[in-house]
Amino acid sequence: MKNIPDAADLFSHDIQTAVGMTTHFLRYHKGIDYQYAYNERGDVIENAGQMMRVPEDRDGNSLV
């Protein structure tokens, strides 16, 4: 699994389940969006993270 930011920097965590697959969407204050998905057997289907937004403080204000 790729290195992900510190859990204390987590801004939001959404979970969606559909058609036998569960996907986790994580947004971090530092602008990183990360998602991973797995099927009912626990096989990892997707594992991706990337810088998507400008960094934000804990109130959602831009740090740039």
C-alpha atoms as a PDB file:
ATOM      1  CA  MET A   1       0.000   0.000   0.000  1.00  0.00           C
ATOM      2  CA  LYS A   2       1.253   3.490  -0.799  1.00  0.00           C
ATOM      3  CA  ASN A   3       2.232   5.911   1.942  1.00  0.00           C
ATOM      4  CA  ILE A   4      -0.748   8.001   2.934  1.00  0.00           C
ATOM      5  CA  PRO A   5      -0.740  11.149   5.067  1.00  0.00           C
ATOM      6  CA  ASP A   6      -1.078  11.105   8.841  1.00  0.00           C
ATOM      7  CA  ALA A   7      -4.597  10.185   9.974  1.00  0.00           C
ATOM      8  CA  ALA A   8      -4.691  13.409  12.036  1.00  0.00           C
ATOM      9  CA  ASP A   9      -4.691  15.350   8.745  1.00  0.00           C
ATOM     10  CA  LEU A  10      -7.841  13.590   7.507  1.00  0.00           C
ATOM     11  CA  PHE A  11     -10.524  16.062   6.371  1.00  0.00           C
ATOM     12  CA  SER A  12     -13.241  13.587   5.348  1.00  0.00           C
ATOM     13  CA  HIS A  13     -13.768   9.864   4.812  1.00  0.00           C
ATOM     14  CA  ASP A  14     -16.690   8.571   2.743  1.00  0.00           C
ATOM     15  CA  ILE A  15     -17.505   4.917   2.111  1.00  0.00           C
ATOM     16  CA  GLN A  16     -19.640   3.675  -0.774  1.00  0.00           C
ATOM     17  CA  THR A  17     -20.692   0.084  -1.384  1.00  0.00           C
ATOM     18  CA  ALA A  18     -22.173  -1.116  -4.676  1.00  0.00           C
ATOM     19  CA  VAL A  19     -22.251  -4.327  -6.705  1.00  0.00           C
ATOM     20  CA  GLY A  20     -20.053  -6.293  -4.296  1.00  0.00           C
ATOM     21  CA  MET A  21     -17.354  -3.622  -4.065  1.00  0.00           C
ATOM     22  CA  THR A  22     -16.557  -1.159  -1.264  1.00  0.00           C
ATOM     23  CA  THR A  23     -14.727   2.090  -2.020  1.00  0.00           C
ATOM     24  CA  HIS A  24     -13.201   4.456   0.539  1.00  0.00           C
ATOM     25  CA  PHE A  25     -12.703   8.120  -0.435  1.00  0.00           C
ATOM     26  CA  LEU A  26     -10.337  10.066   1.830  1.00  0.00           C
ATOM     27  CA  ARG A  27      -9.604  13.819   1.654  1.00  0.00           C
ATOM     28  CA  TYR A  28      -6.674  15.278   3.545  1.00  0.00           C
ATOM     29  CA  HIS A  29      -6.048  18.892   4.573  1.00  0.00           C
ATOM     30  CA  LYS A  30      -2.790  18.908   2.592  1.00  0.00           C
ATOM     31  CA  GLY A  31      -4.720  18.630  -0.704  1.00  0.00           C
ATOM     32  CA  ILE A  32      -4.288  14.909  -1.216  1.00  0.00           C
ATOM     33  CA  ASP A  33      -7.248  12.796  -2.281  1.00  0.00           C
ATOM     34  CA  TYR A  34      -6.870   9.071  -1.794  1.00  0.00           C
ATOM     35  CA  GLN A  35      -9.166   6.206  -2.646  1.00  0.00           C
ATOM     36  CA  TYR A  36      -9.069   2.471  -2.457  1.00  0.00           C
ATOM     37  CA  ALA A  37     -11.584  -0.218  -3.302  1.00  0.00           C
ATOM     38  CA  TYR A  38     -11.907  -3.896  -2.561  1.00  0.00           C
ATOM     39  CA  ASN A  39     -14.337  -6.648  -3.458  1.00  0.00           C
ATOM     40  CA  GLU A  40     -16.299  -8.988  -1.174  1.00  0.00           C
ATOM     41  CA  ARG A  41     -13.323 -11.379  -0.953  1.00  0.00           C
ATOM     42  CA  GLY A  42     -11.027  -8.580   0.209  1.00  0.00           C
ATOM     43  CA  ASP A  43      -9.067  -8.317  -3.056  1.00  0.00           C
ATOM     44  CA  VAL A  44      -7.814  -4.768  -3.673  1.00  0.00           C
ATOM     45  CA  ILE A  45      -9.377  -3.449  -6.881  1.00  0.00           C
ATOM     46  CA  GLU A  46      -8.065   0.129  -6.800  1.00  0.00           C
ATOM     47  CA  ASN A  47      -5.419   1.948  -4.763  1.00  0.00           C
ATOM     48  CA  ALA A  48      -4.723   5.542  -5.833  1.00  0.00           C
ATOM     49  CA  GLY A  49      -3.683   8.819  -4.271  1.00  0.00           C
ATOM     50  CA  GLN A  50      -2.817  12.169  -5.800  1.00  0.00           C
ATOM     51  CA  MET A  51      -2.541  15.884  -5.112  1.00  0.00           C
ATOM     52  CA  MET A  52      -5.924  17.188  -6.233  1.00  0.00           C
ATOM     53  CA  ARG A  53      -6.511  20.479  -4.442  1.00  0.00           C
ATOM     54  CA  VAL A  54      -4.651  23.303  -2.795  1.00  0.00           C
ATOM     55  CA  PRO A  55      -3.825  22.597   0.856  1.00  0.00           C
ATOM     56  CA  GLU A  56      -6.483  23.686   3.391  1.00  0.00           C
ATOM     57  CA  ASP A  57      -6.497  24.435   7.084  1.00  0.00           C
ATOM     58  CA  ARG A  58      -8.861  22.603   9.434  1.00  0.00           C
ATOM     59  CA  ASP A  59     -11.648  25.097   8.618  1.00  0.00           C
ATOM     60  CA  GLY A  60     -11.369  24.458   4.870  1.00  0.00           C
ATOM     61  CA  ASN A  61      -9.563  27.742   4.058  1.00  0.00           C
ATOM     62  CA  SER A  62      -6.868  27.681   1.372  1.00  0.00           C
ATOM     63  CA  LEU A  63      -3.271  27.735   2.636  1.00  0.00           C
ATOM     64  CA  VAL A  64      -1.936  29.119  -0.662  1.00  0.00           C
END
